N, C-alpha and C. Protein backbone atom coordinates (compact mmCIF):
# COMPACT_ATOMS: atom_id res chain seq x y z
N MET A 1 -0.10 -15.09 -11.12
CA MET A 1 -0.20 -14.74 -9.70
C MET A 1 0.16 -13.27 -9.50
N PHE A 2 -0.56 -12.63 -8.60
CA PHE A 2 -0.27 -11.24 -8.22
C PHE A 2 0.48 -11.22 -6.89
N LEU A 3 1.34 -10.22 -6.74
CA LEU A 3 1.94 -9.93 -5.44
C LEU A 3 1.43 -8.57 -5.00
N VAL A 4 0.68 -8.54 -3.90
CA VAL A 4 0.23 -7.28 -3.30
C VAL A 4 1.10 -7.03 -2.08
N ALA A 5 1.98 -6.03 -2.18
CA ALA A 5 2.88 -5.71 -1.08
C ALA A 5 2.46 -4.38 -0.47
N GLY A 6 2.04 -4.43 0.78
CA GLY A 6 1.75 -3.21 1.52
C GLY A 6 2.99 -2.81 2.28
N LEU A 7 3.37 -1.55 2.15
CA LEU A 7 4.62 -1.11 2.77
C LEU A 7 4.38 -0.49 4.16
N GLY A 8 5.36 -0.69 5.03
CA GLY A 8 5.26 -0.15 6.38
C GLY A 8 6.52 -0.49 7.16
N ASN A 9 6.45 -0.28 8.47
CA ASN A 9 7.55 -0.60 9.37
C ASN A 9 7.11 -1.68 10.35
N PRO A 10 7.96 -2.68 10.62
CA PRO A 10 7.60 -3.71 11.59
C PRO A 10 7.65 -3.17 13.02
N GLY A 11 6.88 -3.79 13.90
CA GLY A 11 6.92 -3.40 15.32
C GLY A 11 5.66 -2.69 15.75
N GLU A 12 5.24 -3.00 16.98
CA GLU A 12 4.00 -2.43 17.53
C GLU A 12 3.99 -0.91 17.56
N GLN A 13 5.18 -0.31 17.80
CA GLN A 13 5.23 1.14 17.95
C GLN A 13 4.85 1.87 16.66
N TYR A 14 4.91 1.18 15.53
CA TYR A 14 4.58 1.81 14.24
C TYR A 14 3.21 1.40 13.72
N ALA A 15 2.53 0.51 14.43
CA ALA A 15 1.32 -0.12 13.88
C ALA A 15 0.24 0.90 13.51
N ALA A 16 -0.01 1.88 14.37
CA ALA A 16 -1.10 2.83 14.13
C ALA A 16 -0.55 4.19 13.70
N THR A 17 0.31 4.17 12.68
CA THR A 17 0.92 5.42 12.18
C THR A 17 0.65 5.55 10.68
N PRO A 18 0.65 6.78 10.14
CA PRO A 18 0.39 6.98 8.72
C PRO A 18 1.35 6.20 7.80
N HIS A 19 2.58 5.98 8.25
CA HIS A 19 3.57 5.29 7.41
C HIS A 19 3.24 3.81 7.24
N ASN A 20 2.27 3.31 8.01
CA ASN A 20 1.92 1.89 7.93
C ASN A 20 0.59 1.63 7.24
N MET A 21 0.13 2.58 6.45
CA MET A 21 -1.13 2.39 5.73
C MET A 21 -1.10 1.15 4.86
N GLY A 22 0.03 0.87 4.23
CA GLY A 22 0.13 -0.31 3.37
C GLY A 22 -0.12 -1.60 4.13
N PHE A 23 0.44 -1.69 5.33
CA PHE A 23 0.21 -2.88 6.18
C PHE A 23 -1.28 -3.02 6.50
N LEU A 24 -1.93 -1.91 6.83
CA LEU A 24 -3.34 -1.95 7.22
C LEU A 24 -4.21 -2.46 6.07
N VAL A 25 -3.88 -2.05 4.85
CA VAL A 25 -4.66 -2.48 3.68
C VAL A 25 -4.46 -3.97 3.42
N VAL A 26 -3.23 -4.45 3.52
CA VAL A 26 -2.96 -5.88 3.33
C VAL A 26 -3.67 -6.70 4.41
N ASP A 27 -3.66 -6.21 5.64
CA ASP A 27 -4.39 -6.89 6.72
C ASP A 27 -5.89 -6.95 6.42
N ARG A 28 -6.44 -5.88 5.87
CA ARG A 28 -7.87 -5.85 5.53
C ARG A 28 -8.18 -6.85 4.41
N LEU A 29 -7.33 -6.92 3.40
CA LEU A 29 -7.53 -7.89 2.32
C LEU A 29 -7.43 -9.32 2.85
N ALA A 30 -6.47 -9.55 3.75
CA ALA A 30 -6.32 -10.88 4.33
C ALA A 30 -7.57 -11.28 5.10
N ALA A 31 -8.12 -10.34 5.87
CA ALA A 31 -9.33 -10.62 6.65
C ALA A 31 -10.53 -10.89 5.74
N ARG A 32 -10.66 -10.10 4.69
CA ARG A 32 -11.78 -10.27 3.76
C ARG A 32 -11.77 -11.62 3.06
N HIS A 33 -10.58 -12.10 2.72
CA HIS A 33 -10.47 -13.28 1.86
C HIS A 33 -9.92 -14.51 2.58
N GLY A 34 -9.87 -14.44 3.90
CA GLY A 34 -9.46 -15.61 4.69
C GLY A 34 -8.03 -16.04 4.42
N ILE A 35 -7.14 -15.06 4.21
CA ILE A 35 -5.74 -15.36 3.96
C ILE A 35 -4.94 -15.10 5.23
N ARG A 36 -4.16 -16.08 5.65
CA ARG A 36 -3.37 -15.93 6.87
C ARG A 36 -1.95 -15.52 6.52
N LEU A 37 -1.51 -14.41 7.10
CA LEU A 37 -0.17 -13.88 6.82
C LEU A 37 0.82 -14.44 7.85
N THR A 38 0.99 -15.74 7.82
CA THR A 38 1.78 -16.40 8.87
C THR A 38 3.13 -16.91 8.37
N ARG A 39 3.33 -16.93 7.05
CA ARG A 39 4.58 -17.46 6.51
C ARG A 39 5.64 -16.37 6.48
N ASN A 40 6.84 -16.71 6.91
CA ASN A 40 7.95 -15.76 6.85
C ASN A 40 8.81 -16.14 5.65
N GLU A 41 8.78 -15.28 4.63
CA GLU A 41 9.45 -15.59 3.38
C GLU A 41 10.10 -14.33 2.82
N CYS A 42 11.39 -14.42 2.48
CA CYS A 42 12.10 -13.28 1.87
C CYS A 42 11.98 -12.00 2.72
N GLN A 43 12.10 -12.17 4.03
CA GLN A 43 12.02 -11.04 4.96
C GLN A 43 10.67 -10.32 4.88
N ALA A 44 9.62 -11.11 4.74
CA ALA A 44 8.26 -10.56 4.72
C ALA A 44 7.30 -11.59 5.32
N PHE A 45 6.20 -11.08 5.93
CA PHE A 45 5.11 -11.96 6.31
C PHE A 45 4.21 -12.10 5.09
N VAL A 46 3.94 -13.33 4.67
CA VAL A 46 3.17 -13.54 3.45
C VAL A 46 2.07 -14.56 3.68
N GLY A 47 1.07 -14.48 2.80
CA GLY A 47 -0.01 -15.46 2.77
C GLY A 47 -0.57 -15.52 1.37
N GLN A 48 -0.95 -16.71 0.94
CA GLN A 48 -1.46 -16.89 -0.42
C GLN A 48 -2.93 -17.25 -0.39
N GLY A 49 -3.68 -16.72 -1.35
CA GLY A 49 -5.10 -17.02 -1.43
C GLY A 49 -5.66 -16.62 -2.77
N ASN A 50 -6.98 -16.48 -2.79
CA ASN A 50 -7.69 -16.18 -4.02
C ASN A 50 -8.48 -14.89 -3.87
N ILE A 51 -8.26 -13.95 -4.78
CA ILE A 51 -9.01 -12.69 -4.78
C ILE A 51 -9.50 -12.45 -6.21
N GLY A 52 -10.80 -12.32 -6.38
CA GLY A 52 -11.36 -12.05 -7.70
C GLY A 52 -11.04 -13.13 -8.72
N GLY A 53 -10.95 -14.38 -8.25
CA GLY A 53 -10.68 -15.48 -9.15
C GLY A 53 -9.21 -15.62 -9.54
N LYS A 54 -8.35 -14.81 -8.93
CA LYS A 54 -6.92 -14.85 -9.24
C LYS A 54 -6.13 -15.28 -7.99
N THR A 55 -5.02 -15.98 -8.23
CA THR A 55 -4.13 -16.34 -7.12
C THR A 55 -3.32 -15.11 -6.72
N VAL A 56 -3.32 -14.82 -5.43
CA VAL A 56 -2.67 -13.60 -4.94
C VAL A 56 -1.79 -13.94 -3.74
N LEU A 57 -0.60 -13.37 -3.75
CA LEU A 57 0.31 -13.44 -2.60
C LEU A 57 0.29 -12.08 -1.91
N LEU A 58 -0.19 -12.04 -0.67
CA LEU A 58 -0.17 -10.82 0.12
C LEU A 58 1.12 -10.77 0.93
N ALA A 59 1.72 -9.59 1.02
CA ALA A 59 3.00 -9.50 1.73
C ALA A 59 3.13 -8.20 2.52
N LYS A 60 3.75 -8.33 3.70
CA LYS A 60 4.11 -7.18 4.52
C LYS A 60 5.62 -7.27 4.79
N PRO A 61 6.44 -6.57 3.98
CA PRO A 61 7.90 -6.61 4.18
C PRO A 61 8.27 -6.19 5.60
N GLN A 62 9.24 -6.90 6.18
CA GLN A 62 9.68 -6.64 7.55
C GLN A 62 11.07 -5.99 7.57
N THR A 63 11.44 -5.34 6.50
CA THR A 63 12.79 -4.78 6.34
C THR A 63 12.90 -3.34 6.79
N PHE A 64 11.79 -2.74 7.22
CA PHE A 64 11.63 -1.30 7.41
C PHE A 64 11.42 -0.65 6.04
N MET A 65 10.63 0.39 6.07
CA MET A 65 10.12 1.03 4.85
C MET A 65 11.20 1.32 3.81
N ASN A 66 12.30 1.95 4.23
CA ASN A 66 13.27 2.45 3.25
C ASN A 66 14.07 1.34 2.57
N LEU A 67 13.88 0.09 3.01
CA LEU A 67 14.57 -1.05 2.40
C LEU A 67 13.57 -2.05 1.82
N SER A 68 12.40 -1.57 1.44
CA SER A 68 11.31 -2.45 1.00
C SER A 68 11.70 -3.34 -0.18
N GLY A 69 12.57 -2.84 -1.05
CA GLY A 69 12.97 -3.61 -2.22
C GLY A 69 13.69 -4.90 -1.89
N ILE A 70 14.32 -4.94 -0.70
CA ILE A 70 15.06 -6.13 -0.27
C ILE A 70 14.12 -7.32 -0.13
N ALA A 71 12.86 -7.06 0.23
CA ALA A 71 11.86 -8.13 0.33
C ALA A 71 11.10 -8.32 -0.98
N VAL A 72 10.73 -7.22 -1.62
CA VAL A 72 9.85 -7.29 -2.80
C VAL A 72 10.51 -8.03 -3.96
N LYS A 73 11.76 -7.72 -4.27
CA LYS A 73 12.40 -8.36 -5.42
C LYS A 73 12.52 -9.88 -5.26
N PRO A 74 13.03 -10.39 -4.13
CA PRO A 74 13.10 -11.85 -3.97
C PRO A 74 11.73 -12.53 -3.99
N LEU A 75 10.70 -11.86 -3.46
CA LEU A 75 9.35 -12.44 -3.50
C LEU A 75 8.88 -12.63 -4.94
N LEU A 76 9.13 -11.63 -5.77
CA LEU A 76 8.77 -11.75 -7.19
C LEU A 76 9.54 -12.90 -7.84
N GLN A 77 10.84 -12.94 -7.58
CA GLN A 77 11.68 -13.96 -8.22
C GLN A 77 11.33 -15.37 -7.76
N LYS A 78 11.21 -15.56 -6.45
CA LYS A 78 10.95 -16.89 -5.89
C LYS A 78 9.62 -17.45 -6.37
N ASN A 79 8.61 -16.57 -6.50
CA ASN A 79 7.27 -17.02 -6.88
C ASN A 79 6.99 -16.84 -8.37
N GLU A 80 8.04 -16.45 -9.12
CA GLU A 80 7.94 -16.28 -10.57
C GLU A 80 6.76 -15.39 -10.96
N ILE A 81 6.71 -14.23 -10.32
CA ILE A 81 5.66 -13.25 -10.57
C ILE A 81 6.23 -12.13 -11.43
N ALA A 82 5.52 -11.76 -12.49
CA ALA A 82 5.97 -10.68 -13.37
C ALA A 82 5.90 -9.35 -12.62
N GLN A 83 6.81 -8.43 -12.93
CA GLN A 83 6.79 -7.12 -12.28
C GLN A 83 5.49 -6.38 -12.54
N SER A 84 4.88 -6.64 -13.69
CA SER A 84 3.61 -5.98 -14.02
C SER A 84 2.46 -6.50 -13.16
N ASP A 85 2.68 -7.63 -12.45
CA ASP A 85 1.66 -8.19 -11.56
C ASP A 85 1.98 -7.89 -10.09
N LEU A 86 2.88 -6.95 -9.87
CA LEU A 86 3.16 -6.43 -8.53
C LEU A 86 2.25 -5.23 -8.29
N ILE A 87 1.60 -5.19 -7.14
CA ILE A 87 0.81 -4.03 -6.74
C ILE A 87 1.36 -3.54 -5.41
N LEU A 88 1.92 -2.33 -5.40
CA LEU A 88 2.43 -1.74 -4.16
C LEU A 88 1.37 -0.83 -3.57
N VAL A 89 1.17 -0.93 -2.27
CA VAL A 89 0.20 -0.08 -1.57
C VAL A 89 0.97 0.66 -0.48
N TYR A 90 0.87 2.01 -0.49
CA TYR A 90 1.70 2.77 0.45
C TYR A 90 1.15 4.17 0.70
N ASP A 91 1.62 4.78 1.78
CA ASP A 91 1.22 6.13 2.17
C ASP A 91 1.92 7.16 1.28
N GLU A 92 1.26 8.30 1.10
CA GLU A 92 1.81 9.36 0.25
C GLU A 92 1.58 10.71 0.92
N LEU A 93 2.66 11.32 1.40
CA LEU A 93 2.57 12.59 2.12
C LEU A 93 2.20 13.75 1.19
N ASP A 94 2.40 13.59 -0.11
CA ASP A 94 2.07 14.65 -1.07
C ASP A 94 0.58 14.75 -1.35
N LEU A 95 -0.21 13.79 -0.88
CA LEU A 95 -1.65 13.79 -1.13
C LEU A 95 -2.41 14.01 0.18
N PRO A 96 -3.56 14.70 0.12
CA PRO A 96 -4.32 14.96 1.34
C PRO A 96 -4.93 13.70 1.94
N TRP A 97 -5.10 13.72 3.25
CA TRP A 97 -5.66 12.59 3.98
C TRP A 97 -6.95 12.11 3.32
N GLY A 98 -7.03 10.80 3.12
CA GLY A 98 -8.25 10.20 2.59
C GLY A 98 -8.30 10.11 1.08
N SER A 99 -7.33 10.70 0.38
CA SER A 99 -7.33 10.62 -1.08
C SER A 99 -6.59 9.36 -1.52
N LEU A 100 -6.89 8.93 -2.72
CA LEU A 100 -6.33 7.67 -3.22
C LEU A 100 -6.04 7.83 -4.70
N ARG A 101 -4.88 7.37 -5.12
CA ARG A 101 -4.51 7.42 -6.54
C ARG A 101 -4.01 6.05 -6.99
N VAL A 102 -4.66 5.50 -8.00
CA VAL A 102 -4.17 4.29 -8.66
C VAL A 102 -3.29 4.73 -9.82
N ARG A 103 -2.10 4.15 -9.93
CA ARG A 103 -1.17 4.51 -11.00
C ARG A 103 -0.57 3.24 -11.62
N PRO A 104 -0.34 3.23 -12.94
CA PRO A 104 0.25 2.07 -13.60
C PRO A 104 1.77 2.03 -13.46
N GLY A 105 2.38 3.12 -13.02
CA GLY A 105 3.83 3.22 -12.89
C GLY A 105 4.20 4.64 -12.53
N GLY A 106 5.49 4.95 -12.65
CA GLY A 106 5.93 6.31 -12.37
C GLY A 106 7.08 6.35 -11.38
N SER A 107 7.55 7.57 -11.12
CA SER A 107 8.71 7.75 -10.25
C SER A 107 8.34 7.54 -8.78
N ALA A 108 9.36 7.60 -7.93
CA ALA A 108 9.14 7.43 -6.50
C ALA A 108 8.52 8.67 -5.87
N ALA A 109 8.63 9.82 -6.53
CA ALA A 109 8.07 11.08 -6.04
C ALA A 109 8.53 11.38 -4.60
N GLY A 110 9.80 11.09 -4.32
CA GLY A 110 10.35 11.41 -3.01
C GLY A 110 10.09 10.38 -1.93
N HIS A 111 9.40 9.29 -2.26
CA HIS A 111 9.10 8.25 -1.27
C HIS A 111 10.25 7.25 -1.24
N ASN A 112 10.95 7.19 -0.11
CA ASN A 112 12.16 6.36 -0.02
C ASN A 112 11.89 4.87 -0.19
N GLY A 113 10.75 4.41 0.31
CA GLY A 113 10.41 3.00 0.16
C GLY A 113 10.22 2.62 -1.29
N ILE A 114 9.53 3.48 -2.04
CA ILE A 114 9.30 3.22 -3.47
C ILE A 114 10.61 3.35 -4.24
N ALA A 115 11.41 4.32 -3.85
CA ALA A 115 12.72 4.50 -4.51
C ALA A 115 13.56 3.23 -4.38
N ASP A 116 13.50 2.59 -3.21
CA ASP A 116 14.28 1.37 -3.01
C ASP A 116 13.74 0.22 -3.88
N VAL A 117 12.43 0.10 -3.97
CA VAL A 117 11.84 -0.95 -4.82
C VAL A 117 12.23 -0.72 -6.28
N ILE A 118 12.13 0.53 -6.75
CA ILE A 118 12.50 0.86 -8.13
C ILE A 118 13.98 0.53 -8.38
N ALA A 119 14.82 0.90 -7.43
CA ALA A 119 16.26 0.64 -7.57
C ALA A 119 16.56 -0.86 -7.64
N LYS A 120 15.90 -1.64 -6.77
CA LYS A 120 16.15 -3.08 -6.74
C LYS A 120 15.60 -3.78 -7.99
N LEU A 121 14.43 -3.33 -8.47
CA LEU A 121 13.81 -3.99 -9.63
C LEU A 121 14.38 -3.48 -10.94
N GLY A 122 14.93 -2.27 -10.93
CA GLY A 122 15.45 -1.69 -12.16
C GLY A 122 14.36 -1.20 -13.09
N THR A 123 13.16 -0.99 -12.54
CA THR A 123 12.04 -0.46 -13.33
C THR A 123 11.08 0.27 -12.41
N GLN A 124 10.34 1.22 -12.98
CA GLN A 124 9.27 1.88 -12.22
C GLN A 124 7.91 1.55 -12.82
N GLU A 125 7.90 0.58 -13.72
CA GLU A 125 6.65 0.20 -14.40
C GLU A 125 5.96 -0.94 -13.66
N PHE A 126 5.32 -0.60 -12.56
CA PHE A 126 4.48 -1.55 -11.84
C PHE A 126 3.34 -0.77 -11.19
N PRO A 127 2.15 -1.38 -11.10
CA PRO A 127 1.00 -0.68 -10.52
C PRO A 127 1.22 -0.35 -9.05
N ARG A 128 0.63 0.75 -8.65
CA ARG A 128 0.70 1.13 -7.24
C ARG A 128 -0.56 1.89 -6.83
N ILE A 129 -0.83 1.84 -5.53
CA ILE A 129 -1.95 2.60 -4.94
C ILE A 129 -1.34 3.53 -3.91
N ARG A 130 -1.47 4.83 -4.18
CA ARG A 130 -0.90 5.84 -3.30
C ARG A 130 -2.02 6.36 -2.39
N LEU A 131 -1.79 6.29 -1.10
CA LEU A 131 -2.81 6.67 -0.11
C LEU A 131 -2.41 7.97 0.58
N GLY A 132 -3.20 9.00 0.35
CA GLY A 132 -2.89 10.32 0.89
C GLY A 132 -2.99 10.36 2.40
N VAL A 133 -1.94 10.88 3.05
CA VAL A 133 -1.94 10.95 4.52
C VAL A 133 -1.64 12.35 5.05
N HIS A 134 -1.51 13.34 4.17
CA HIS A 134 -1.19 14.69 4.66
C HIS A 134 -2.38 15.23 5.46
N PRO A 135 -2.13 15.77 6.67
CA PRO A 135 -3.22 16.19 7.55
C PRO A 135 -3.89 17.51 7.16
N GLY A 136 -3.32 18.22 6.20
CA GLY A 136 -3.96 19.46 5.76
C GLY A 136 -3.49 20.71 6.47
N HIS A 137 -2.43 20.58 7.26
CA HIS A 137 -1.84 21.76 7.90
C HIS A 137 -0.32 21.63 7.81
N PRO A 138 0.41 22.74 7.93
CA PRO A 138 1.87 22.67 7.81
C PRO A 138 2.49 21.71 8.82
N LEU A 139 3.52 21.00 8.38
CA LEU A 139 4.19 20.03 9.25
C LEU A 139 5.63 20.46 9.49
N PRO A 140 6.05 20.61 10.76
CA PRO A 140 7.44 20.93 11.04
C PRO A 140 8.38 19.83 10.56
N SER A 141 7.91 18.57 10.66
CA SER A 141 8.73 17.43 10.22
C SER A 141 7.82 16.35 9.64
N GLY A 142 7.94 16.13 8.33
CA GLY A 142 7.15 15.09 7.69
C GLY A 142 7.47 13.72 8.27
N LYS A 143 8.75 13.46 8.53
CA LYS A 143 9.16 12.17 9.06
C LYS A 143 8.54 11.90 10.43
N ASP A 144 8.60 12.91 11.31
CA ASP A 144 8.01 12.74 12.64
C ASP A 144 6.52 12.48 12.55
N TYR A 145 5.84 13.19 11.66
CA TYR A 145 4.40 13.01 11.49
C TYR A 145 4.08 11.59 11.03
N LEU A 146 4.82 11.10 10.02
CA LEU A 146 4.54 9.78 9.45
C LEU A 146 4.70 8.67 10.49
N LEU A 147 5.57 8.90 11.49
CA LEU A 147 5.85 7.87 12.49
C LEU A 147 5.12 8.12 13.80
N SER A 148 4.22 9.11 13.82
CA SER A 148 3.43 9.33 15.04
C SER A 148 2.03 8.75 14.86
N ARG A 149 1.36 8.52 15.97
CA ARG A 149 0.07 7.81 15.94
C ARG A 149 -0.99 8.64 15.23
N PHE A 150 -1.96 7.94 14.65
CA PHE A 150 -3.10 8.61 14.02
C PHE A 150 -3.78 9.53 15.03
N THR A 151 -4.28 10.66 14.55
CA THR A 151 -5.05 11.55 15.40
C THR A 151 -6.46 10.98 15.60
N ARG A 152 -7.15 11.51 16.56
CA ARG A 152 -8.53 11.07 16.82
C ARG A 152 -9.41 11.29 15.59
N GLN A 153 -9.21 12.45 14.94
CA GLN A 153 -10.00 12.75 13.74
C GLN A 153 -9.70 11.77 12.61
N GLN A 154 -8.42 11.41 12.45
CA GLN A 154 -8.06 10.45 11.41
C GLN A 154 -8.65 9.08 11.72
N MET A 155 -8.66 8.70 12.98
CA MET A 155 -9.20 7.40 13.36
C MET A 155 -10.68 7.27 12.98
N GLU A 156 -11.39 8.39 12.98
CA GLU A 156 -12.82 8.37 12.65
C GLU A 156 -13.07 7.96 11.20
N SER A 157 -12.14 8.29 10.30
CA SER A 157 -12.34 7.93 8.89
C SER A 157 -11.40 6.83 8.41
N LEU A 158 -10.52 6.35 9.31
CA LEU A 158 -9.50 5.38 8.91
C LEU A 158 -10.11 4.10 8.35
N ASP A 159 -11.15 3.59 9.00
CA ASP A 159 -11.74 2.32 8.58
C ASP A 159 -12.28 2.42 7.15
N ARG A 160 -12.96 3.52 6.84
CA ARG A 160 -13.50 3.71 5.48
C ARG A 160 -12.37 3.87 4.47
N PHE A 161 -11.31 4.54 4.88
CA PHE A 161 -10.16 4.78 4.01
C PHE A 161 -9.49 3.44 3.65
N VAL A 162 -9.27 2.60 4.66
CA VAL A 162 -8.64 1.30 4.43
C VAL A 162 -9.55 0.43 3.56
N ASP A 163 -10.85 0.50 3.80
CA ASP A 163 -11.80 -0.25 2.97
C ASP A 163 -11.72 0.18 1.50
N LEU A 164 -11.66 1.49 1.28
CA LEU A 164 -11.58 2.03 -0.08
C LEU A 164 -10.31 1.53 -0.77
N ALA A 165 -9.21 1.54 -0.05
CA ALA A 165 -7.94 1.08 -0.62
C ALA A 165 -7.98 -0.42 -0.93
N ALA A 166 -8.62 -1.19 -0.06
CA ALA A 166 -8.78 -2.63 -0.30
C ALA A 166 -9.66 -2.85 -1.54
N ASP A 167 -10.72 -2.06 -1.67
CA ASP A 167 -11.59 -2.13 -2.86
C ASP A 167 -10.79 -1.86 -4.13
N ALA A 168 -9.93 -0.84 -4.08
CA ALA A 168 -9.13 -0.46 -5.25
C ALA A 168 -8.15 -1.58 -5.61
N THR A 169 -7.57 -2.22 -4.60
CA THR A 169 -6.65 -3.32 -4.85
C THR A 169 -7.37 -4.48 -5.52
N GLU A 170 -8.54 -4.82 -4.99
CA GLU A 170 -9.34 -5.90 -5.58
C GLU A 170 -9.72 -5.57 -7.03
N SER A 171 -9.99 -4.29 -7.28
CA SER A 171 -10.37 -3.86 -8.62
C SER A 171 -9.22 -4.04 -9.61
N ILE A 172 -7.99 -3.69 -9.19
CA ILE A 172 -6.82 -3.88 -10.07
C ILE A 172 -6.66 -5.35 -10.42
N ILE A 173 -6.82 -6.22 -9.42
CA ILE A 173 -6.66 -7.65 -9.64
C ILE A 173 -7.73 -8.18 -10.60
N ALA A 174 -8.96 -7.74 -10.40
CA ALA A 174 -10.08 -8.29 -11.18
C ALA A 174 -10.24 -7.62 -12.55
N GLU A 175 -9.99 -6.30 -12.63
CA GLU A 175 -10.34 -5.55 -13.83
C GLU A 175 -9.16 -4.88 -14.53
N GLY A 176 -8.01 -4.82 -13.87
CA GLY A 176 -6.86 -4.15 -14.46
C GLY A 176 -6.72 -2.72 -13.98
N VAL A 177 -5.54 -2.15 -14.22
CA VAL A 177 -5.20 -0.83 -13.69
C VAL A 177 -6.04 0.28 -14.33
N GLU A 178 -6.24 0.23 -15.65
CA GLU A 178 -6.94 1.32 -16.34
C GLU A 178 -8.36 1.50 -15.82
N LYS A 179 -9.10 0.41 -15.70
CA LYS A 179 -10.47 0.50 -15.19
C LYS A 179 -10.48 0.98 -13.75
N SER A 180 -9.50 0.51 -12.98
CA SER A 180 -9.42 0.91 -11.57
C SER A 180 -9.13 2.39 -11.44
N MET A 181 -8.27 2.92 -12.31
CA MET A 181 -7.99 4.36 -12.30
C MET A 181 -9.27 5.15 -12.56
N THR A 182 -10.04 4.70 -13.53
CA THR A 182 -11.30 5.38 -13.85
C THR A 182 -12.27 5.33 -12.68
N ARG A 183 -12.34 4.17 -12.04
CA ARG A 183 -13.29 4.00 -10.93
C ARG A 183 -12.89 4.75 -9.68
N PHE A 184 -11.60 4.73 -9.35
CA PHE A 184 -11.19 5.21 -8.03
C PHE A 184 -10.55 6.59 -8.02
N ASN A 185 -9.85 6.98 -9.07
CA ASN A 185 -9.17 8.28 -9.03
C ASN A 185 -10.14 9.44 -9.06
N ARG A 186 -11.29 9.26 -9.67
CA ARG A 186 -12.30 10.33 -9.69
C ARG A 186 -12.84 10.58 -8.29
N ARG A 187 -12.87 9.52 -7.48
CA ARG A 187 -13.41 9.63 -6.12
C ARG A 187 -12.32 9.96 -5.12
N ALA A 188 -11.19 10.38 -5.62
CA ALA A 188 -10.00 10.51 -4.77
C ALA A 188 -10.20 11.44 -3.58
N GLN A 189 -11.04 12.46 -3.72
CA GLN A 189 -11.19 13.41 -2.62
C GLN A 189 -12.35 13.09 -1.70
N GLY A 190 -13.01 11.95 -1.92
CA GLY A 190 -14.23 11.63 -1.18
C GLY A 190 -14.15 11.76 0.32
N LEU A 191 -13.18 11.11 0.93
CA LEU A 191 -13.08 11.14 2.39
C LEU A 191 -12.72 12.53 2.88
N THR A 192 -11.84 13.20 2.14
CA THR A 192 -11.37 14.51 2.57
C THR A 192 -12.52 15.49 2.66
N THR A 193 -13.37 15.53 1.61
CA THR A 193 -14.46 16.49 1.60
C THR A 193 -15.48 16.17 2.68
N GLU A 194 -15.70 14.88 2.95
CA GLU A 194 -16.65 14.52 3.98
C GLU A 194 -16.18 14.94 5.37
N GLU A 195 -14.87 14.98 5.53
CA GLU A 195 -14.33 15.29 6.86
C GLU A 195 -14.27 16.78 7.13
N GLU A 196 -14.40 17.59 6.06
CA GLU A 196 -14.25 19.05 6.24
C GLU A 196 -15.51 19.66 6.83
């Protein structure tokens, strides 16, 4: 079984913000595969279903971003899921808007939510999908930007961006991380260049 955890913050005020990209991708996967995220388990909304012939648990931790590990670790333990079958999906301020990077592991790179998951699990060796959200101009406050609503321009490409991230998640489940990196990392700048 896979655990796909999209990271974000609970509450309507955060729903349409860059910091909630992970939630949006999990919602898209749930809609595509008829999975209902109605169960409250380990401080997360979860739903189980089938993606690419594999059993998958979709999760949206409700702990707030910086405490994501509090939900992710118990979900893995309770459902007896290997850490290598965890896929984290989250926003990345270090990457330009619309870019996407599939990675088999690595450091938190300054992302507090990932740092918490790594600290709780005691490892950084788990697949992740990093979704670029940097707007391409200097930001007085990265934190304020991440928690503010999408701009009109971002909304125009958001649907395609979320679709691409959902495609990449499905690819990891069906084909593995290496093939997914080859397929999706080369196209990482696709949305950005189209928007320029």
